[in-house]
Each structure stands twice: as C-alpha cells, then as structure tokens.
C-alpha cells in the first residue's frame, strides 16, 4: 500500500506543500525566487514557521516580483519588517533585494534564472530512491557547488543545506520516499493506470 512521507505530520500547510509543491519541477523564475527567499528565511528555523508566514511574504514582496524586490530601499525593507508578519531578521530581508539584483544579472547572462539552475542537472530532475526519510541527505556535493557559485555571484543565505532544500523545493531532486504516492515513479504509474 502506497503512503505519504511522514515529515509534514498533521500540519495542514505542510501537507499541502508536500502534496502539491515539494519536489515538483518548475521553471517559473518568480516561483523559484519565492522558494529561494523562503528557504533563506528558514535558516535556523522550522519550515512550518516559514509556511505560516508565506502569505505575508507574498504581500510584502508583491508575489516575489523580481524587479520590484530589486528596487526596494532600506526604508521599504524596514517598513516590511515592522508592518508585515515576516521573520524579523533584517539581514534576511535585505537579502531579498540583493538576491533579486543577482537574479537579474544571471537572467541577462543565461536567459533566465531557471536556465542557470537547471543546467546543473542537465535539465532533468534527479529522481532518488530513498526507502526511509532517514536516508535523505541534508546537503550534497551538488548543493555545495551551487552554494559556492551563487555566493560568488553575490547571493546571501544560500548555504549548502539551504540549497539542498531549495533543490527539493523547485523539483531539481525528487526526495519523496519510494512508498510515497507523490514519488515520481508512483505518479507516473498512476497516470498510466488511469490511461491519461
């Protein structure tokens, strides 16, 4: 019998994120930037806290419009810290602006932020075959490499552990356990069985 990964527990936001977004491949730069921001905000905190504040982040940063975020002033960021239910860590909030500026530079060079990131995996997600959640790594050589490369380009809060979570968030890796109905192999099987 196929089950689901256990890490979301009974938290509804966590379950929705696991079922609908986690490890689903995306090339949408605005969504990718959102995930980069939220994963950076998580550093030292739990993902459930970040998800509970996600709607406030979306309002504060205009749904993570990259141009808007790149043009934020220090006063804008202070106002966001004071007026919105975001994590009150000023360096993390400032990183939204500097990371947006870095994304714009990458976009000019590679056509999109998505192109830059997905070339690390030859534009194909890594489908892992973990049998238990304890096997899933916190970081990998690849997340370490991406972390180093992004830091060189001026990104903040992009350590190797954060980058591995980010890779999961945008579907560069599928780390659902093999017994989870949302693992790629099970989703493909379900599609075939339903005749789609």
N, C-alpha and C. Protein backbone atom coordinates (compact mmCIF):
# COMPACT_ATOMS: atom_id res chain seq x y z
N UNK A 1 0.85 -1.19 0.00
CA UNK A 1 0.00 0.00 0.00
C UNK A 1 0.89 1.25 0.00
N UNK A 2 0.61 2.17 -0.92
CA UNK A 2 1.38 3.39 -1.01
C UNK A 2 0.91 4.38 0.05
N UNK A 3 1.88 5.04 0.67
CA UNK A 3 1.58 6.02 1.71
C UNK A 3 2.15 7.37 1.30
N UNK A 4 2.35 8.24 2.28
CA UNK A 4 2.96 9.53 2.03
C UNK A 4 4.15 9.71 2.97
N UNK A 5 5.05 10.64 2.62
CA UNK A 5 6.15 10.98 3.51
C UNK A 5 5.56 11.44 4.84
N UNK A 6 6.24 11.13 5.93
CA UNK A 6 5.69 11.43 7.26
C UNK A 6 6.05 12.82 7.78
N UNK A 7 7.07 13.48 7.16
CA UNK A 7 7.55 14.73 7.75
C UNK A 7 6.54 15.86 7.86
N UNK A 8 5.50 15.94 7.00
CA UNK A 8 4.54 17.04 7.19
C UNK A 8 3.70 16.89 8.45
N UNK A 9 3.59 15.65 8.97
CA UNK A 9 2.77 15.42 10.16
C UNK A 9 1.32 15.79 9.91
N UNK A 10 0.70 16.40 10.93
CA UNK A 10 -0.71 16.79 10.82
C UNK A 10 -0.88 18.25 10.44
N UNK A 11 0.24 18.93 10.17
CA UNK A 11 0.18 20.35 9.82
C UNK A 11 -0.39 20.50 8.41
N UNK A 12 -1.52 21.20 8.30
CA UNK A 12 -2.22 21.29 7.02
C UNK A 12 -1.39 22.00 5.96
N UNK A 13 -0.72 23.10 6.34
CA UNK A 13 0.11 23.82 5.38
C UNK A 13 1.26 22.96 4.89
N UNK A 14 1.86 22.21 5.82
CA UNK A 14 2.97 21.32 5.46
C UNK A 14 2.49 20.22 4.53
N UNK A 15 1.31 19.68 4.81
CA UNK A 15 0.77 18.60 3.97
C UNK A 15 0.45 19.12 2.57
N UNK A 16 -0.14 20.30 2.50
CA UNK A 16 -0.44 20.88 1.18
C UNK A 16 0.84 21.13 0.40
N UNK A 17 1.86 21.65 1.09
CA UNK A 17 3.14 21.92 0.43
C UNK A 17 3.75 20.61 -0.08
N UNK A 18 3.74 19.58 0.77
CA UNK A 18 4.28 18.27 0.38
C UNK A 18 3.53 17.70 -0.82
N UNK A 19 2.21 17.78 -0.78
CA UNK A 19 1.39 17.13 -1.81
C UNK A 19 1.39 17.88 -3.14
N UNK A 20 1.48 19.20 -3.09
CA UNK A 20 1.27 19.99 -4.30
C UNK A 20 2.53 20.66 -4.86
N UNK A 21 3.56 20.85 -4.03
CA UNK A 21 4.71 21.63 -4.49
C UNK A 21 6.06 20.94 -4.34
N UNK A 22 6.27 20.26 -3.22
CA UNK A 22 7.59 19.74 -2.89
C UNK A 22 8.07 18.75 -3.95
N UNK A 23 9.24 19.00 -4.50
CA UNK A 23 9.88 18.12 -5.49
C UNK A 23 9.15 18.10 -6.83
N UNK A 24 8.30 19.09 -7.09
CA UNK A 24 7.65 19.22 -8.39
C UNK A 24 8.51 20.15 -9.25
N UNK A 25 9.03 19.68 -10.39
CA UNK A 25 9.91 20.51 -11.22
C UNK A 25 9.22 21.77 -11.72
N UNK A 26 9.93 22.89 -11.62
CA UNK A 26 9.39 24.16 -12.11
C UNK A 26 10.48 24.95 -12.81
N UNK A 27 10.07 25.73 -13.81
CA UNK A 27 10.99 26.64 -14.50
C UNK A 27 10.50 28.08 -14.39
N UNK A 28 9.57 28.32 -13.49
CA UNK A 28 8.98 29.65 -13.30
C UNK A 28 9.90 30.49 -12.41
N UNK A 29 10.56 31.48 -13.00
CA UNK A 29 11.55 32.26 -12.26
C UNK A 29 10.97 32.95 -11.03
N UNK A 30 9.75 33.43 -11.13
CA UNK A 30 9.17 34.14 -9.98
C UNK A 30 8.93 33.16 -8.83
N UNK A 31 8.43 31.98 -9.13
CA UNK A 31 8.23 30.95 -8.11
C UNK A 31 9.59 30.49 -7.56
N UNK A 32 10.56 30.31 -8.43
CA UNK A 32 11.90 29.89 -8.00
C UNK A 32 12.49 30.93 -7.05
N UNK A 33 12.29 32.21 -7.36
CA UNK A 33 12.77 33.27 -6.49
C UNK A 33 12.04 33.25 -5.14
N UNK A 34 10.76 32.96 -5.18
CA UNK A 34 10.00 32.82 -3.93
C UNK A 34 10.59 31.72 -3.06
N UNK A 35 10.85 30.58 -3.66
CA UNK A 35 11.41 29.46 -2.91
C UNK A 35 12.81 29.78 -2.38
N UNK A 36 13.60 30.47 -3.18
CA UNK A 36 14.94 30.89 -2.73
C UNK A 36 14.82 31.78 -1.49
N UNK A 37 13.88 32.70 -1.53
CA UNK A 37 13.66 33.63 -0.42
C UNK A 37 13.18 32.90 0.82
N UNK A 38 12.19 32.04 0.65
CA UNK A 38 11.62 31.34 1.81
C UNK A 38 12.61 30.35 2.41
N UNK A 39 13.38 29.67 1.57
CA UNK A 39 14.39 28.74 2.10
C UNK A 39 15.47 29.51 2.86
N UNK A 40 15.85 30.68 2.35
CA UNK A 40 16.82 31.50 3.05
C UNK A 40 16.27 32.01 4.38
N UNK A 41 14.98 32.35 4.39
CA UNK A 41 14.33 32.82 5.61
C UNK A 41 14.28 31.71 6.67
N UNK A 42 14.24 30.47 6.21
CA UNK A 42 14.11 29.34 7.13
C UNK A 42 15.37 29.12 7.97
N UNK A 43 16.53 29.53 7.48
CA UNK A 43 17.80 29.22 8.15
C UNK A 43 17.69 29.40 9.66
N UNK A 44 17.88 28.29 10.39
CA UNK A 44 17.80 28.30 11.84
C UNK A 44 16.40 28.15 12.40
N UNK A 45 15.41 28.05 11.52
CA UNK A 45 14.02 27.93 11.95
C UNK A 45 13.37 26.70 11.32
N UNK A 46 12.11 26.46 11.66
CA UNK A 46 11.40 25.32 11.07
C UNK A 46 10.64 25.78 9.83
N UNK A 47 10.46 24.84 8.90
CA UNK A 47 9.75 25.14 7.65
C UNK A 47 8.29 25.49 7.93
N UNK A 48 7.72 24.91 8.98
CA UNK A 48 6.31 25.20 9.30
C UNK A 48 6.13 26.67 9.68
N UNK A 49 7.13 27.25 10.36
CA UNK A 49 7.06 28.68 10.70
C UNK A 49 7.07 29.52 9.43
N UNK A 50 7.95 29.17 8.50
CA UNK A 50 8.05 29.91 7.24
C UNK A 50 6.75 29.82 6.46
N UNK A 51 6.19 28.62 6.36
CA UNK A 51 4.94 28.46 5.61
C UNK A 51 3.80 29.26 6.24
N UNK A 52 3.80 29.36 7.56
CA UNK A 52 2.74 30.11 8.24
C UNK A 52 2.83 31.61 7.93
N UNK A 53 4.01 32.07 7.51
CA UNK A 53 4.22 33.48 7.18
C UNK A 53 4.27 33.72 5.66
N UNK A 54 4.07 32.67 4.89
CA UNK A 54 4.23 32.79 3.43
C UNK A 54 3.31 33.82 2.81
N UNK A 55 2.08 33.86 3.24
CA UNK A 55 1.13 34.81 2.67
C UNK A 55 1.58 36.24 2.93
N UNK A 56 2.11 36.50 4.12
CA UNK A 56 2.62 37.84 4.45
C UNK A 56 3.81 38.19 3.57
N UNK A 57 4.68 37.21 3.33
CA UNK A 57 5.82 37.43 2.43
C UNK A 57 5.33 37.78 1.02
N UNK A 58 4.33 37.05 0.56
CA UNK A 58 3.81 37.30 -0.79
C UNK A 58 3.24 38.71 -0.91
N UNK A 59 2.54 39.17 0.12
CA UNK A 59 2.00 40.53 0.10
C UNK A 59 3.12 41.56 0.18
N UNK A 60 4.06 41.35 1.08
CA UNK A 60 5.14 42.31 1.30
C UNK A 60 6.02 42.48 0.07
N UNK A 61 6.26 41.38 -0.64
CA UNK A 61 7.19 41.41 -1.77
C UNK A 61 6.49 41.29 -3.13
N UNK A 62 5.19 41.69 -3.15
CA UNK A 62 4.42 41.73 -4.41
C UNK A 62 4.52 40.40 -5.16
N UNK A 63 4.21 39.32 -4.45
CA UNK A 63 4.28 37.96 -5.03
C UNK A 63 5.66 37.65 -5.59
N UNK A 64 6.66 38.23 -4.95
CA UNK A 64 8.07 37.97 -5.31
C UNK A 64 8.39 38.42 -6.73
N UNK A 65 7.80 39.56 -7.10
CA UNK A 65 8.17 40.20 -8.37
C UNK A 65 9.65 40.59 -8.27
N UNK A 66 10.46 40.03 -9.14
CA UNK A 66 11.92 40.17 -9.01
C UNK A 66 12.36 41.62 -9.21
N UNK A 67 11.79 42.32 -10.19
CA UNK A 67 12.15 43.71 -10.42
C UNK A 67 11.74 44.58 -9.23
N UNK A 68 10.54 44.36 -8.74
CA UNK A 68 10.07 45.11 -7.56
C UNK A 68 11.03 44.90 -6.38
N UNK A 69 11.38 43.64 -6.12
CA UNK A 69 12.26 43.33 -4.99
C UNK A 69 13.65 43.94 -5.16
N UNK A 70 14.12 43.99 -6.39
CA UNK A 70 15.47 44.53 -6.65
C UNK A 70 15.55 46.03 -6.39
N UNK A 71 14.41 46.69 -6.43
CA UNK A 71 14.37 48.16 -6.27
C UNK A 71 13.96 48.62 -4.87
N UNK A 72 13.81 47.70 -3.94
CA UNK A 72 13.42 48.07 -2.58
C UNK A 72 14.50 48.93 -1.92
N UNK A 73 14.08 49.96 -1.20
CA UNK A 73 15.02 50.80 -0.47
C UNK A 73 15.18 50.27 0.95
N UNK A 74 16.16 50.83 1.67
CA UNK A 74 16.32 50.45 3.08
C UNK A 74 15.06 50.77 3.88
N UNK A 75 14.44 51.90 3.57
CA UNK A 75 13.20 52.27 4.26
C UNK A 75 12.08 51.28 3.95
N UNK A 76 12.00 50.86 2.69
CA UNK A 76 10.99 49.86 2.30
C UNK A 76 11.17 48.59 3.13
N UNK A 77 12.41 48.14 3.26
CA UNK A 77 12.69 46.90 3.98
C UNK A 77 12.39 47.05 5.47
N UNK A 78 12.70 48.21 6.03
CA UNK A 78 12.37 48.46 7.44
C UNK A 78 10.86 48.45 7.64
N UNK A 79 10.13 49.06 6.70
CA UNK A 79 8.67 49.06 6.79
C UNK A 79 8.10 47.65 6.69
N UNK A 80 8.67 46.84 5.80
CA UNK A 80 8.23 45.45 5.67
C UNK A 80 8.46 44.71 6.99
N UNK A 81 9.62 44.92 7.58
CA UNK A 81 9.94 44.28 8.86
C UNK A 81 8.92 44.65 9.94
N UNK A 82 8.51 45.93 9.94
CA UNK A 82 7.63 46.43 11.00
C UNK A 82 6.15 46.15 10.74
N UNK A 83 5.77 46.12 9.47
CA UNK A 83 4.34 46.11 9.14
C UNK A 83 3.80 44.75 8.71
N UNK A 84 4.68 43.82 8.39
CA UNK A 84 4.21 42.52 7.89
C UNK A 84 4.65 41.39 8.83
N UNK A 85 3.90 40.31 8.78
CA UNK A 85 4.18 39.15 9.63
C UNK A 85 5.27 38.27 9.00
N UNK A 86 6.43 38.89 8.80
CA UNK A 86 7.58 38.17 8.23
C UNK A 86 8.59 37.91 9.35
N UNK A 87 9.60 37.12 9.05
CA UNK A 87 10.66 36.87 10.02
C UNK A 87 11.47 38.16 10.16
N UNK A 88 11.59 38.65 11.39
CA UNK A 88 12.14 39.99 11.66
C UNK A 88 13.67 40.01 11.70
N UNK A 89 14.27 39.44 10.71
CA UNK A 89 15.73 39.35 10.64
C UNK A 89 16.14 40.26 9.49
N UNK A 90 16.69 41.43 9.82
CA UNK A 90 16.90 42.45 8.79
C UNK A 90 17.86 41.98 7.69
N UNK A 91 18.89 41.21 8.06
CA UNK A 91 19.82 40.74 7.02
C UNK A 91 19.12 39.79 6.05
N UNK A 92 18.20 38.97 6.55
CA UNK A 92 17.44 38.08 5.67
C UNK A 92 16.53 38.90 4.74
N UNK A 93 15.93 39.95 5.29
CA UNK A 93 15.07 40.81 4.46
C UNK A 93 15.90 41.57 3.43
N UNK A 94 17.07 42.04 3.82
CA UNK A 94 17.95 42.74 2.87
C UNK A 94 18.41 41.80 1.76
N UNK A 95 18.53 40.51 2.09
CA UNK A 95 18.98 39.54 1.08
C UNK A 95 17.95 39.37 -0.04
N UNK A 96 16.68 39.67 0.25
CA UNK A 96 15.66 39.58 -0.81
C UNK A 96 16.01 40.57 -1.92
N UNK A 97 16.42 41.77 -1.53
CA UNK A 97 16.80 42.79 -2.52
C UNK A 97 18.08 42.38 -3.26
N UNK A 98 19.13 42.04 -2.51
CA UNK A 98 20.41 41.72 -3.16
C UNK A 98 20.31 40.45 -4.01
N UNK A 99 19.53 39.48 -3.55
CA UNK A 99 19.35 38.26 -4.35
C UNK A 99 18.55 38.55 -5.62
N UNK A 100 17.56 39.44 -5.53
CA UNK A 100 16.79 39.82 -6.73
C UNK A 100 17.71 40.50 -7.74
N UNK A 101 18.59 41.36 -7.25
CA UNK A 101 19.55 42.02 -8.14
C UNK A 101 20.48 41.00 -8.80
N UNK A 102 20.90 40.00 -8.03
CA UNK A 102 21.77 38.96 -8.58
C UNK A 102 21.03 38.10 -9.61
N UNK A 103 19.74 37.83 -9.37
CA UNK A 103 18.93 37.07 -10.31
C UNK A 103 18.82 37.82 -11.64
N UNK A 104 18.63 39.12 -11.58
CA UNK A 104 18.50 39.92 -12.80
C UNK A 104 19.79 39.84 -13.62
N UNK A 105 20.94 39.88 -12.96
CA UNK A 105 22.22 39.76 -13.66
C UNK A 105 22.35 38.39 -14.33
N UNK A 106 21.96 37.34 -13.60
CA UNK A 106 22.02 35.99 -14.16
C UNK A 106 21.08 35.85 -15.35
N UNK A 107 19.90 36.46 -15.25
CA UNK A 107 18.92 36.38 -16.33
C UNK A 107 19.47 36.99 -17.61
N UNK A 108 20.20 38.09 -17.46
CA UNK A 108 20.81 38.73 -18.63
C UNK A 108 21.86 37.83 -19.27
N UNK A 109 22.52 37.03 -18.45
CA UNK A 109 23.60 36.16 -18.94
C UNK A 109 23.08 34.83 -19.48
N UNK A 110 22.07 34.27 -18.81
CA UNK A 110 21.62 32.91 -19.15
C UNK A 110 20.21 32.83 -19.74
N UNK A 111 19.55 33.98 -19.83
CA UNK A 111 18.18 33.98 -20.37
C UNK A 111 17.12 33.88 -19.30
N UNK A 112 17.42 33.14 -18.24
CA UNK A 112 16.51 33.01 -17.10
C UNK A 112 17.28 32.44 -15.92
N UNK A 113 16.76 32.66 -14.73
CA UNK A 113 17.35 32.06 -13.52
C UNK A 113 17.19 30.54 -13.60
N UNK A 114 16.05 30.12 -14.12
CA UNK A 114 15.78 28.69 -14.30
C UNK A 114 16.86 28.02 -15.16
N UNK A 115 17.21 28.62 -16.28
CA UNK A 115 18.26 28.05 -17.14
C UNK A 115 19.57 27.88 -16.39
N UNK A 116 19.93 28.90 -15.62
CA UNK A 116 21.17 28.85 -14.85
C UNK A 116 21.17 27.66 -13.89
N UNK A 117 20.06 27.48 -13.17
CA UNK A 117 19.99 26.43 -12.15
C UNK A 117 19.87 25.02 -12.74
N UNK A 118 18.98 24.87 -13.72
CA UNK A 118 18.69 23.54 -14.24
C UNK A 118 19.85 22.94 -15.05
N UNK A 119 20.78 23.77 -15.51
CA UNK A 119 21.93 23.21 -16.24
C UNK A 119 22.81 22.37 -15.32
N UNK A 120 22.71 22.59 -13.99
CA UNK A 120 23.48 21.77 -13.04
C UNK A 120 23.07 20.30 -13.08
N UNK A 121 21.84 20.04 -13.50
CA UNK A 121 21.34 18.65 -13.56
C UNK A 121 20.98 18.28 -15.00
N UNK A 122 21.59 18.97 -15.95
CA UNK A 122 21.32 18.70 -17.37
C UNK A 122 19.84 18.78 -17.70
N UNK A 123 19.14 19.68 -17.02
CA UNK A 123 17.72 19.95 -17.29
C UNK A 123 16.83 18.73 -17.06
N UNK A 124 17.29 17.81 -16.21
CA UNK A 124 16.49 16.64 -15.84
C UNK A 124 16.54 16.48 -14.32
N UNK A 125 15.40 16.34 -13.65
CA UNK A 125 15.44 16.18 -12.19
C UNK A 125 16.15 14.89 -11.78
N UNK A 126 16.79 14.94 -10.64
CA UNK A 126 17.41 13.75 -10.04
C UNK A 126 16.32 13.02 -9.27
N UNK A 127 16.00 11.81 -9.67
CA UNK A 127 14.96 11.03 -9.00
C UNK A 127 15.63 10.05 -8.05
N UNK A 128 15.58 10.36 -6.76
CA UNK A 128 16.20 9.47 -5.77
C UNK A 128 15.26 8.34 -5.38
N UNK A 129 15.85 7.29 -4.84
CA UNK A 129 15.07 6.10 -4.47
C UNK A 129 15.29 5.79 -2.99
N UNK A 130 14.89 6.72 -2.15
CA UNK A 130 15.05 6.52 -0.70
C UNK A 130 13.92 5.64 -0.17
N UNK A 131 14.29 4.70 0.71
CA UNK A 131 13.27 3.84 1.33
C UNK A 131 12.82 4.36 2.68
N UNK A 132 13.63 5.24 3.27
CA UNK A 132 13.24 5.87 4.54
C UNK A 132 13.70 7.32 4.53
N UNK A 133 13.00 8.15 5.28
CA UNK A 133 13.34 9.57 5.31
C UNK A 133 14.71 9.81 5.94
N UNK A 134 15.16 8.86 6.76
CA UNK A 134 16.47 8.98 7.38
C UNK A 134 17.61 8.92 6.37
N UNK A 135 17.34 8.41 5.18
CA UNK A 135 18.37 8.31 4.14
C UNK A 135 18.57 9.64 3.39
N UNK A 136 17.62 10.54 3.49
CA UNK A 136 17.68 11.77 2.71
C UNK A 136 18.78 12.68 3.28
N UNK A 137 19.72 13.11 2.44
CA UNK A 137 20.82 13.93 2.95
C UNK A 137 20.38 15.36 3.26
N UNK A 138 21.16 16.03 4.12
CA UNK A 138 20.91 17.44 4.40
C UNK A 138 21.57 18.32 3.35
N UNK A 139 22.64 17.81 2.75
CA UNK A 139 23.34 18.52 1.68
C UNK A 139 24.08 17.51 0.83
N UNK A 140 24.48 17.93 -0.35
CA UNK A 140 25.22 17.05 -1.26
C UNK A 140 26.36 17.84 -1.90
N UNK A 141 27.21 17.14 -2.62
CA UNK A 141 28.28 17.83 -3.34
C UNK A 141 27.70 18.87 -4.30
N UNK A 142 26.58 18.53 -4.92
CA UNK A 142 25.97 19.45 -5.88
C UNK A 142 25.40 20.69 -5.17
N UNK A 143 24.73 20.49 -4.04
CA UNK A 143 24.20 21.66 -3.33
C UNK A 143 25.34 22.54 -2.82
N UNK A 144 26.45 21.92 -2.47
CA UNK A 144 27.63 22.67 -2.05
C UNK A 144 28.19 23.49 -3.21
N UNK A 145 28.21 22.89 -4.40
CA UNK A 145 28.71 23.59 -5.60
C UNK A 145 27.80 24.77 -5.97
N UNK A 146 26.50 24.53 -5.94
CA UNK A 146 25.55 25.61 -6.26
C UNK A 146 25.69 26.74 -5.24
N UNK A 147 25.83 26.38 -3.97
CA UNK A 147 26.01 27.36 -2.91
C UNK A 147 27.23 28.24 -3.18
N UNK A 148 28.35 27.61 -3.51
CA UNK A 148 29.59 28.35 -3.79
C UNK A 148 29.41 29.28 -4.99
N UNK A 149 28.78 28.75 -6.03
CA UNK A 149 28.60 29.53 -7.26
C UNK A 149 27.69 30.73 -7.04
N UNK A 150 26.62 30.53 -6.27
CA UNK A 150 25.70 31.63 -6.01
C UNK A 150 26.35 32.69 -5.11
N UNK A 151 27.11 32.24 -4.13
CA UNK A 151 27.80 33.20 -3.25
C UNK A 151 28.77 34.07 -4.05
N UNK A 152 29.46 33.46 -5.00
CA UNK A 152 30.37 34.23 -5.85
C UNK A 152 29.62 35.30 -6.65
N UNK A 153 28.36 35.04 -6.92
CA UNK A 153 27.54 35.98 -7.70
C UNK A 153 26.77 36.94 -6.80
N UNK A 154 27.10 36.95 -5.52
CA UNK A 154 26.52 37.95 -4.62
C UNK A 154 25.29 37.53 -3.85
N UNK A 155 24.89 36.26 -3.95
CA UNK A 155 23.71 35.80 -3.22
C UNK A 155 24.02 35.62 -1.74
N UNK A 156 23.00 35.84 -0.89
CA UNK A 156 23.11 35.67 0.56
C UNK A 156 22.14 34.60 1.04
N UNK A 157 22.46 33.99 2.17
CA UNK A 157 21.64 32.94 2.77
C UNK A 157 21.41 31.79 1.79
N UNK A 158 22.50 31.34 1.19
CA UNK A 158 22.45 30.25 0.21
C UNK A 158 23.49 29.18 0.57
N UNK A 159 23.55 28.82 1.84
CA UNK A 159 24.47 27.77 2.27
C UNK A 159 24.09 26.43 1.66
N UNK A 160 24.97 25.42 1.74
CA UNK A 160 24.72 24.14 1.09
C UNK A 160 23.49 23.40 1.59
N UNK A 161 23.16 23.54 2.88
CA UNK A 161 21.94 22.88 3.40
C UNK A 161 20.71 23.60 2.86
N UNK A 162 20.75 24.93 2.89
CA UNK A 162 19.64 25.72 2.32
C UNK A 162 19.46 25.40 0.85
N UNK A 163 20.58 25.24 0.13
CA UNK A 163 20.50 24.97 -1.30
C UNK A 163 19.93 23.58 -1.58
N UNK A 164 20.21 22.62 -0.71
CA UNK A 164 19.62 21.30 -0.95
C UNK A 164 18.10 21.35 -0.76
N UNK A 165 17.65 22.05 0.29
CA UNK A 165 16.21 22.23 0.48
C UNK A 165 15.59 22.97 -0.70
N UNK A 166 16.32 23.93 -1.22
CA UNK A 166 15.87 24.71 -2.38
C UNK A 166 15.76 23.80 -3.62
N UNK A 167 16.74 22.92 -3.81
CA UNK A 167 16.69 21.98 -4.93
C UNK A 167 15.44 21.09 -4.83
N UNK A 168 15.10 20.68 -3.60
CA UNK A 168 13.87 19.91 -3.40
C UNK A 168 12.65 20.76 -3.73
N UNK A 169 12.70 22.02 -3.26
CA UNK A 169 11.55 22.92 -3.41
C UNK A 169 11.19 23.17 -4.87
N UNK A 170 12.20 23.24 -5.74
CA UNK A 170 11.91 23.54 -7.15
C UNK A 170 11.97 22.30 -8.03
N UNK A 171 12.07 21.13 -7.39
CA UNK A 171 11.98 19.87 -8.13
C UNK A 171 13.23 19.44 -8.85
N UNK A 172 14.39 20.04 -8.53
CA UNK A 172 15.64 19.56 -9.13
C UNK A 172 15.97 18.17 -8.62
N UNK A 173 15.46 17.84 -7.44
CA UNK A 173 15.57 16.47 -6.92
C UNK A 173 14.18 16.02 -6.46
N UNK A 174 13.91 14.75 -6.57
CA UNK A 174 12.70 14.15 -6.00
C UNK A 174 13.17 13.32 -4.81
N UNK A 175 12.85 13.79 -3.61
CA UNK A 175 13.25 13.09 -2.39
C UNK A 175 12.07 12.52 -1.63
N UNK A 176 10.93 12.35 -2.31
CA UNK A 176 9.86 11.58 -1.69
C UNK A 176 10.37 10.14 -1.51
N UNK A 177 10.04 9.52 -0.39
CA UNK A 177 10.41 8.11 -0.23
C UNK A 177 9.66 7.29 -1.27
N UNK A 178 10.20 6.14 -1.62
CA UNK A 178 9.62 5.36 -2.72
C UNK A 178 8.20 4.87 -2.43
N UNK A 179 7.84 4.78 -1.14
CA UNK A 179 6.49 4.33 -0.79
C UNK A 179 5.46 5.46 -0.84
N UNK A 180 5.94 6.70 -1.05
CA UNK A 180 5.03 7.85 -1.08
C UNK A 180 4.32 7.94 -2.43
N UNK A 181 3.02 8.19 -2.39
CA UNK A 181 2.25 8.27 -3.63
C UNK A 181 2.73 9.41 -4.52
N UNK A 182 3.46 10.36 -3.94
CA UNK A 182 3.91 11.52 -4.72
C UNK A 182 5.31 11.34 -5.31
N UNK A 183 5.93 10.20 -5.07
CA UNK A 183 7.22 9.93 -5.72
C UNK A 183 6.98 9.82 -7.22
N UNK A 184 7.92 10.32 -8.00
CA UNK A 184 7.77 10.38 -9.46
C UNK A 184 7.34 9.04 -10.04
N UNK A 185 7.96 7.95 -9.60
CA UNK A 185 7.64 6.64 -10.19
C UNK A 185 6.19 6.25 -9.91
N UNK A 186 5.67 6.63 -8.75
CA UNK A 186 4.29 6.29 -8.41
C UNK A 186 3.30 7.19 -9.14
N UNK A 187 3.68 8.45 -9.31
CA UNK A 187 2.81 9.36 -10.07
C UNK A 187 2.73 8.92 -11.52
N UNK A 188 3.87 8.51 -12.08
CA UNK A 188 3.87 8.04 -13.47
C UNK A 188 3.02 6.79 -13.62
N UNK A 189 3.14 5.91 -12.61
CA UNK A 189 2.37 4.67 -12.65
C UNK A 189 0.88 4.98 -12.58
N UNK A 190 0.53 5.93 -11.71
CA UNK A 190 -0.87 6.31 -11.56
C UNK A 190 -1.42 6.88 -12.87
N UNK A 191 -0.64 7.71 -13.53
CA UNK A 191 -1.07 8.28 -14.81
C UNK A 191 -1.30 7.17 -15.84
N UNK A 192 -0.37 6.20 -15.89
CA UNK A 192 -0.50 5.10 -16.84
C UNK A 192 -1.74 4.25 -16.51
N UNK A 193 -1.94 4.00 -15.22
CA UNK A 193 -3.07 3.16 -14.81
C UNK A 193 -4.40 3.84 -15.14
N UNK A 194 -4.42 5.17 -15.04
CA UNK A 194 -5.66 5.90 -15.32
C UNK A 194 -5.86 6.14 -16.81
N UNK A 195 -4.85 5.77 -17.60
CA UNK A 195 -4.98 5.87 -19.04
C UNK A 195 -4.86 7.28 -19.59
N UNK A 196 -4.24 8.17 -18.83
CA UNK A 196 -4.07 9.55 -19.32
C UNK A 196 -2.92 9.64 -20.29
